[in-house]
Amino acid sequence: MLAASSSMAGEAHLTVSDRIDPGEWDQYVERHPEGSIDHLWRWRDVFSRVFDHQSTYLVARRSGAIAGVLPLVHFRSRLFGRFLVSVPFLNYGGVAADTAEARRALVDAAIAETAARRGSHLELRHTEQLFADLSPKRHKVAMRLALAPDADRQWEQLDRKVRNQVRKGEKSQLTVVHGGAELVNEFYTVFAHNMRDLGTPVYARTFFAEVLRTFADTARVFVVRHEGRPVAASIVYWHHSMIEVPWASALRAANPLCANVLLYWHMLKFSVERGFTVFDFGRSTPNEGTFHFKRQWGAEPLPLVWEYWHAPGTRPPDLNPKNPKFDLAIRMWQRLPVPVATALGPHVVRNIP
């Protein structure tokens, strides 16, 4: 068991360990303002079952009461080395704590855990810089939209160009459905094809099936069909008043039909009708295509700050697809037949957080 402790004059003793009941963990996440769906304990089981990644979930306590939490997932790869991430594959994570002292104790314990495992670096996914001694990256933003109280007013707030594209999609013999795990195969057909086109290895279908099984009450799949075949699809999940779309794709051949625009309009209608107040479009690179697509809906950027501790003599990692050293690999991946890329992708992407 990992354990550490610290104290300050006049304050009760603070301890950090990896011993906690899952229910107690989730209760803290649910009530903490920095707690997100990505902090929930259930992701630990998803990462283990799908990717075979070990995790260390740290908890800080003062006088027995939880003062903060930090979920960590371990990576061990021949290609990328050893490192820890909070949390991988998702948009948020990092430290959620009541005080600066608790945050510091948790990150110190995480650094010690990384060093003990001979890791090259620790990555913490925050929405602001919390630690002046860590190296920050501000290469991504989340795109969030404050939702109207009803679908009619949401429609009125849309840009005229977007409304015209929605109408075009409605006239293009497209149908839209949403549901649960029964739609995962149609989602994956679109998603895997789009990832190949982007030159990016795709997650295994079992990852999405596991997410939908684990979060059955707070996740949905949306599928847009043309002549009975899926041409655009997404997965959404929600926590408190915010709904998020972490994965969405459309076939390039369906762009003239405005399938992707119709997909997003139906997700927004679903969100408004169920009383959510914020729609999170997911993360984007500022001023690139997906950034402008999301901004046309009225979404505003929220800075993301990923903070890094890295071992002496090393630098923070650069696994960004824009890194020139990946250009050749991306071009080669784009030339693969979709079934080949879909078969190979999960073996590669499991080690790319």
Protein backbone atom coordinates (compact mmCIF):
# COMPACT_ATOMS: atom_id res chain seq x y z
CA MET A 1 0.00 0.00 0.00
CA LEU A 2 1.30 3.43 -0.92
CA ALA A 3 1.16 5.87 1.97
CA ALA A 4 2.44 9.36 2.76
CA SER A 5 1.64 12.05 5.28
CA SER A 6 2.10 15.74 5.97
CA SER A 7 0.93 18.26 8.56
CA MET A 8 0.92 22.00 9.21
CA ALA A 9 0.94 23.91 12.47
CA GLY A 10 -2.51 24.15 13.97
CA GLU A 11 -4.01 21.63 11.52
CA ALA A 12 -4.93 17.99 11.91
CA HIS A 13 -2.61 15.36 10.47
CA LEU A 14 -3.04 14.78 6.71
CA THR A 15 -2.42 11.35 5.23
CA VAL A 16 -2.37 10.01 1.66
CA SER A 17 -2.95 6.37 0.79
CA ASP A 18 -4.48 4.12 -1.86
CA ARG A 19 -6.99 2.52 0.52
CA ILE A 20 -10.58 3.60 -0.01
CA ASP A 21 -13.98 2.10 -0.57
CA PRO A 22 -15.30 2.76 -4.13
CA GLY A 23 -18.60 4.04 -2.79
CA GLU A 24 -16.85 6.49 -0.48
CA TRP A 25 -14.69 7.69 -3.38
CA ASP A 26 -17.69 8.36 -5.62
CA GLN A 27 -19.59 10.14 -2.85
CA TYR A 28 -16.70 12.59 -2.53
CA VAL A 29 -16.47 13.08 -6.32
CA GLU A 30 -20.22 13.68 -6.58
CA ARG A 31 -20.24 16.46 -4.02
CA HIS A 32 -16.92 18.13 -4.91
CA PRO A 33 -17.09 21.10 -7.35
CA GLU A 34 -13.96 19.83 -9.18
CA GLY A 35 -15.26 16.28 -9.43
CA SER A 36 -16.17 15.16 -12.95
CA ILE A 37 -17.58 12.00 -14.49
CA ASP A 38 -14.00 11.18 -15.45
CA HIS A 39 -13.06 10.98 -11.76
CA LEU A 40 -15.61 8.29 -10.96
CA TRP A 41 -14.33 4.95 -9.70
CA ARG A 42 -16.04 2.97 -12.46
CA TRP A 43 -13.46 4.14 -15.01
CA ARG A 44 -10.82 2.22 -13.08
CA ASP A 45 -12.64 -1.02 -13.90
CA VAL A 46 -13.11 0.01 -17.55
CA PHE A 47 -9.39 0.72 -17.98
CA SER A 48 -8.52 -2.60 -16.38
CA ARG A 49 -10.97 -4.75 -18.33
CA VAL A 50 -10.40 -3.16 -21.75
CA PHE A 51 -6.77 -2.05 -21.72
CA ASP A 52 -5.33 -4.18 -18.89
CA HIS A 53 -3.93 -1.04 -17.26
CA GLN A 54 -3.23 -1.00 -13.54
CA SER A 55 -4.40 1.98 -11.51
CA THR A 56 -3.56 3.66 -8.22
CA TYR A 57 -6.38 5.79 -6.82
CA LEU A 58 -4.99 8.09 -4.13
CA VAL A 59 -7.03 9.59 -1.31
CA ALA A 60 -6.01 12.31 1.15
CA ARG A 61 -7.60 12.25 4.60
CA ARG A 62 -7.65 14.55 7.58
CA SER A 63 -8.99 13.13 10.83
CA GLY A 64 -10.46 10.25 8.82
CA ALA A 65 -12.48 12.48 6.47
CA ILE A 66 -11.61 12.64 2.76
CA ALA A 67 -9.81 15.86 1.84
CA GLY A 68 -9.00 15.05 -1.78
CA VAL A 69 -8.66 12.37 -4.45
CA LEU A 70 -6.37 11.71 -7.41
CA PRO A 71 -6.95 8.80 -9.85
CA LEU A 72 -3.82 7.50 -11.60
CA VAL A 73 -3.52 5.00 -14.45
CA HIS A 74 -0.24 3.27 -15.20
CA PHE A 75 1.24 2.86 -18.70
CA ARG A 76 4.04 0.49 -19.57
CA SER A 77 4.93 0.42 -23.27
CA ARG A 78 7.97 -0.60 -25.28
CA LEU A 79 7.31 2.30 -27.63
CA PHE A 80 6.42 5.08 -25.19
CA GLY A 81 7.96 3.86 -21.93
CA ARG A 82 6.48 4.01 -18.43
CA PHE A 83 4.36 6.87 -17.17
CA LEU A 84 1.21 7.71 -15.17
CA VAL A 85 -1.81 9.73 -16.32
CA SER A 86 -4.84 11.23 -14.58
CA VAL A 87 -6.84 10.22 -16.49
CA PRO A 88 -6.16 8.78 -19.94
CA PHE A 89 -8.47 8.53 -22.98
CA LEU A 90 -10.83 11.15 -21.44
CA ASN A 91 -10.87 14.96 -21.25
CA TYR A 92 -10.65 15.59 -17.54
CA GLY A 93 -9.06 14.23 -14.38
CA GLY A 94 -6.26 15.30 -12.09
CA VAL A 95 -6.57 16.41 -8.49
CA ALA A 96 -9.89 17.19 -6.79
CA ALA A 97 -9.21 18.39 -3.25
CA ASP A 98 -10.52 20.69 -0.52
CA THR A 99 -7.32 22.62 0.20
CA ALA A 100 -3.99 23.53 -1.38
CA GLU A 101 -2.28 21.38 1.25
CA ALA A 102 -4.31 18.32 0.25
CA ARG A 103 -3.61 18.96 -3.44
CA ARG A 104 0.11 19.22 -2.73
CA ALA A 105 0.15 16.04 -0.66
CA LEU A 106 -1.65 14.12 -3.41
CA VAL A 107 0.61 15.30 -6.22
CA ASP A 108 3.73 14.62 -4.13
CA ALA A 109 2.50 11.08 -3.55
CA ALA A 110 1.77 10.72 -7.28
CA ILE A 111 5.29 11.88 -8.16
CA ALA A 112 6.72 9.40 -5.66
CA GLU A 113 4.60 6.64 -7.19
CA THR A 114 5.79 7.56 -10.70
CA ALA A 115 9.43 7.60 -9.63
CA ALA A 116 9.07 4.30 -7.77
CA ARG A 117 7.76 2.70 -10.95
CA ARG A 118 10.67 4.23 -12.91
CA GLY A 119 8.25 6.34 -14.91
CA SER A 120 9.45 9.08 -17.23
CA HIS A 121 6.59 11.44 -16.43
CA LEU A 122 3.29 12.11 -14.67
CA GLU A 123 0.44 13.82 -16.56
CA LEU A 124 -2.42 15.60 -14.76
CA ARG A 125 -5.37 16.87 -16.81
CA HIS A 126 -6.65 20.08 -15.24
CA THR A 127 -8.65 23.12 -16.34
CA GLU A 128 -6.24 25.51 -14.63
CA GLN A 129 -2.63 25.44 -13.49
CA LEU A 130 -2.51 24.22 -9.90
CA PHE A 131 1.21 23.61 -9.40
CA ALA A 132 3.82 26.25 -10.23
CA ASP A 133 6.64 23.69 -10.12
CA LEU A 134 5.10 21.45 -12.80
CA SER A 135 5.45 21.97 -16.56
CA PRO A 136 2.15 23.13 -18.12
CA LYS A 137 0.81 22.48 -21.62
CA ARG A 138 -2.02 24.61 -22.98
CA HIS A 139 -2.40 22.99 -26.39
CA LYS A 140 -6.12 22.11 -26.07
CA VAL A 141 -9.38 23.75 -25.04
CA ALA A 142 -12.76 22.34 -24.10
CA MET A 143 -15.69 23.81 -26.04
CA ARG A 144 -18.79 24.46 -23.94
CA LEU A 145 -22.22 25.86 -24.75
CA ALA A 146 -24.70 27.25 -22.23
CA LEU A 147 -28.00 25.64 -23.21
CA ALA A 148 -31.32 27.41 -23.63
CA PRO A 149 -34.30 26.34 -21.48
CA ASP A 150 -36.16 24.76 -24.44
CA ALA A 151 -35.53 23.51 -27.97
CA ASP A 152 -37.29 26.44 -29.68
CA ARG A 153 -35.05 28.99 -28.00
CA GLN A 154 -32.01 26.81 -28.65
CA TRP A 155 -32.93 26.83 -32.35
CA GLU A 156 -33.33 30.60 -32.34
CA GLN A 157 -29.84 31.00 -30.89
CA LEU A 158 -28.23 29.07 -33.74
CA ASP A 159 -26.35 30.85 -36.47
CA ARG A 160 -28.40 31.15 -39.69
CA LYS A 161 -25.87 29.07 -41.61
CA VAL A 162 -26.13 26.26 -39.06
CA ARG A 163 -29.94 26.31 -39.22
CA ASN A 164 -29.80 26.04 -43.02
CA GLN A 165 -27.45 23.06 -42.74
CA VAL A 166 -29.79 21.36 -40.27
CA ARG A 167 -32.69 21.88 -42.67
CA LYS A 168 -30.61 20.43 -45.50
CA GLY A 169 -29.86 17.38 -43.38
CA GLU A 170 -33.55 16.96 -42.63
CA LYS A 171 -34.29 17.02 -46.39
CA SER A 172 -31.51 14.53 -47.23
CA GLN A 173 -33.48 11.40 -46.32
CA LEU A 174 -31.53 11.02 -43.09
CA THR A 175 -32.95 9.42 -39.97
CA VAL A 176 -31.65 9.90 -36.44
CA VAL A 177 -31.99 7.46 -33.55
CA HIS A 178 -30.54 7.30 -30.06
CA GLY A 179 -30.33 4.48 -27.57
CA GLY A 180 -27.92 2.31 -25.64
CA ALA A 181 -25.49 -0.52 -26.24
CA GLU A 182 -27.65 -1.96 -29.03
CA LEU A 183 -26.31 0.86 -31.27
CA VAL A 184 -22.61 0.42 -30.48
CA ASN A 185 -21.85 -1.54 -33.65
CA GLU A 186 -23.28 1.19 -35.89
CA PHE A 187 -21.37 3.82 -33.93
CA TYR A 188 -18.17 1.85 -34.25
CA THR A 189 -18.56 1.34 -37.99
CA VAL A 190 -18.52 5.10 -38.50
CA PHE A 191 -15.96 5.87 -35.82
CA ALA A 192 -13.39 3.30 -37.01
CA HIS A 193 -13.69 4.46 -40.62
CA ASN A 194 -13.22 8.10 -39.63
CA MET A 195 -10.21 7.34 -37.45
CA ARG A 196 -8.54 5.55 -40.37
CA ASP A 197 -9.19 8.59 -42.56
CA LEU A 198 -7.54 10.79 -39.92
CA GLY A 199 -4.54 8.47 -39.68
CA THR A 200 -5.26 7.73 -36.02
CA PRO A 201 -5.36 4.25 -34.44
CA VAL A 202 -8.85 3.40 -33.21
CA TYR A 203 -9.92 2.06 -29.82
CA ALA A 204 -11.33 -1.44 -29.65
CA ARG A 205 -15.10 -1.76 -30.02
CA THR A 206 -15.10 -3.37 -26.59
CA PHE A 207 -14.02 -0.06 -25.05
CA PHE A 208 -17.22 1.67 -26.13
CA ALA A 209 -19.34 -1.37 -25.30
CA GLU A 210 -17.83 -1.37 -21.81
CA VAL A 211 -18.44 2.37 -21.37
CA LEU A 212 -22.10 1.94 -22.34
CA ARG A 213 -22.49 -1.05 -20.05
CA THR A 214 -20.77 0.65 -17.11
CA PHE A 215 -22.60 3.96 -17.54
CA ALA A 216 -25.89 2.55 -18.82
CA ASP A 217 -27.96 5.13 -16.92
CA THR A 218 -25.89 8.17 -17.94
CA ALA A 219 -24.75 7.48 -21.52
CA ARG A 220 -26.42 7.34 -24.94
CA VAL A 221 -25.48 6.55 -28.53
CA PHE A 222 -26.73 8.70 -31.43
CA VAL A 223 -26.74 7.36 -34.98
CA VAL A 224 -27.60 9.13 -38.24
CA ARG A 225 -28.57 6.76 -41.05
CA HIS A 226 -28.86 7.25 -44.79
CA GLU A 227 -30.77 4.59 -46.68
CA GLY A 228 -30.50 2.39 -43.61
CA ARG A 229 -26.72 2.67 -43.22
CA PRO A 230 -24.93 4.64 -40.45
CA VAL A 231 -23.15 7.74 -41.73
CA ALA A 232 -22.63 9.72 -38.51
CA ALA A 233 -22.63 8.71 -34.85
CA SER A 234 -21.67 9.82 -31.36
CA ILE A 235 -21.63 8.84 -27.71
CA VAL A 236 -22.67 11.26 -24.97
CA TYR A 237 -22.60 10.95 -21.20
CA TRP A 238 -23.54 13.30 -18.42
CA HIS A 239 -22.78 14.29 -14.86
CA HIS A 240 -24.94 16.68 -12.83
CA SER A 241 -26.07 19.51 -15.15
CA MET A 242 -23.48 19.00 -17.90
CA ILE A 243 -23.67 16.61 -20.86
CA GLU A 244 -20.52 15.83 -22.86
CA VAL A 245 -19.80 14.33 -26.27
CA PRO A 246 -16.33 12.76 -26.04
CA TRP A 247 -16.63 10.75 -29.28
CA ALA A 248 -18.35 11.76 -32.51
CA SER A 249 -17.63 10.98 -36.16
CA ALA A 250 -19.14 11.23 -39.63
CA LEU A 251 -18.18 9.62 -42.90
CA ARG A 252 -16.64 12.11 -45.29
CA ALA A 253 -18.90 10.86 -48.06
CA ALA A 254 -21.88 12.07 -46.01
CA ASN A 255 -20.63 15.66 -45.68
CA PRO A 256 -22.79 16.93 -48.59
CA LEU A 257 -25.83 15.57 -46.72
CA CYS A 258 -24.97 17.62 -43.59
CA ALA A 259 -25.20 14.41 -41.54
CA ASN A 260 -22.76 15.69 -38.91
CA VAL A 261 -24.72 18.91 -38.41
CA LEU A 262 -27.98 17.01 -38.03
CA LEU A 263 -26.27 14.71 -35.51
CA TYR A 264 -25.24 17.64 -33.31
CA TRP A 265 -28.64 19.30 -33.51
CA HIS A 266 -30.32 16.14 -32.25
CA MET A 267 -27.79 15.88 -29.41
CA LEU A 268 -28.55 19.47 -28.44
CA LYS A 269 -32.31 18.88 -28.54
CA PHE A 270 -31.89 15.77 -26.38
CA SER A 271 -29.84 17.79 -23.89
CA VAL A 272 -32.28 20.68 -23.65
CA GLU A 273 -35.32 18.43 -23.35
CA ARG A 274 -33.73 16.63 -20.40
CA GLY A 275 -32.86 19.80 -18.55
CA PHE A 276 -29.09 19.96 -18.91
CA THR A 277 -27.65 23.47 -18.75
CA VAL A 278 -24.22 22.96 -20.34
CA PHE A 279 -23.25 21.03 -23.47
CA ASP A 280 -19.55 20.10 -23.63
CA PHE A 281 -18.46 19.50 -27.24
CA GLY A 282 -15.18 17.93 -26.08
CA ARG A 283 -11.65 19.16 -26.55
CA SER A 284 -10.19 20.78 -29.65
CA THR A 285 -7.00 22.41 -30.85
CA PRO A 286 -7.56 26.19 -31.03
CA ASN A 287 -8.21 27.57 -34.52
CA GLU A 288 -8.35 24.18 -36.23
CA GLY A 289 -11.30 22.66 -38.09
CA THR A 290 -13.13 21.02 -35.18
CA PHE A 291 -12.64 24.17 -33.09
CA HIS A 292 -14.42 26.30 -35.71
CA PHE A 293 -17.12 23.66 -36.21
CA LYS A 294 -17.95 23.71 -32.52
CA ARG A 295 -17.74 27.46 -32.24
CA GLN A 296 -20.35 27.96 -34.96
CA TRP A 297 -22.87 26.42 -32.52
CA GLY A 298 -22.06 29.14 -30.02
CA ALA A 299 -19.61 27.12 -27.92
CA GLU A 300 -16.91 29.02 -26.04
CA PRO A 301 -13.40 27.71 -25.30
CA LEU A 302 -12.42 26.68 -21.79
CA PRO A 303 -8.63 26.46 -21.41
CA LEU A 304 -7.25 23.06 -20.52
CA VAL A 305 -3.96 22.88 -18.64
CA TRP A 306 -2.18 19.55 -18.60
CA GLU A 307 0.54 19.61 -15.95
CA TYR A 308 3.62 17.40 -16.02
CA TRP A 309 6.24 16.16 -13.66
CA HIS A 310 9.09 14.58 -15.61
CA ALA A 311 12.14 12.71 -14.45
CA PRO A 312 15.47 14.59 -14.32
CA GLY A 313 17.09 14.79 -17.74
CA THR A 314 13.80 14.28 -19.62
CA ARG A 315 11.20 16.55 -21.20
CA PRO A 316 7.39 16.44 -21.14
CA PRO A 317 6.10 14.07 -23.82
CA ASP A 318 4.85 15.24 -27.20
CA LEU A 319 2.36 12.66 -28.48
CA ASN A 320 0.45 15.30 -30.45
CA PRO A 321 -0.44 14.12 -33.99
CA LYS A 322 0.86 17.52 -35.17
CA ASN A 323 4.34 16.48 -34.10
CA PRO A 324 6.29 16.24 -37.41
CA LYS A 325 7.88 12.94 -36.38
CA PHE A 326 4.47 11.27 -36.71
CA ASP A 327 3.78 12.58 -40.26
CA LEU A 328 5.00 9.45 -42.04
CA ALA A 329 3.17 7.10 -39.67
CA ILE A 330 -0.09 9.05 -40.15
CA ARG A 331 0.19 8.98 -43.93
CA MET A 332 0.91 5.26 -43.92
CA TRP A 333 -2.03 4.59 -41.59
CA GLN A 334 -4.38 6.50 -43.88
CA ARG A 335 -3.47 4.14 -46.72
CA LEU A 336 -4.42 1.01 -44.79
CA PRO A 337 -7.69 -0.74 -45.65
CA VAL A 338 -10.27 0.06 -42.98
CA PRO A 339 -10.51 -3.57 -41.72
CA VAL A 340 -6.71 -3.72 -41.32
CA ALA A 341 -6.51 -0.37 -39.51
CA THR A 342 -9.43 -1.40 -37.29
CA ALA A 343 -7.70 -4.67 -36.37
CA LEU A 344 -4.31 -3.09 -35.66
CA GLY A 345 -5.50 0.12 -33.99
CA PRO A 346 -6.43 -1.20 -30.54
CA HIS A 347 -2.96 -2.74 -30.05
CA VAL A 348 -1.35 0.67 -30.65
CA VAL A 349 -3.79 3.10 -29.06
CA ARG A 350 -3.96 1.29 -25.73
CA ASN A 351 -0.59 2.87 -24.93
CA ILE A 352 -1.46 6.38 -26.17
CA PRO A 353 -3.36 8.24 -23.44
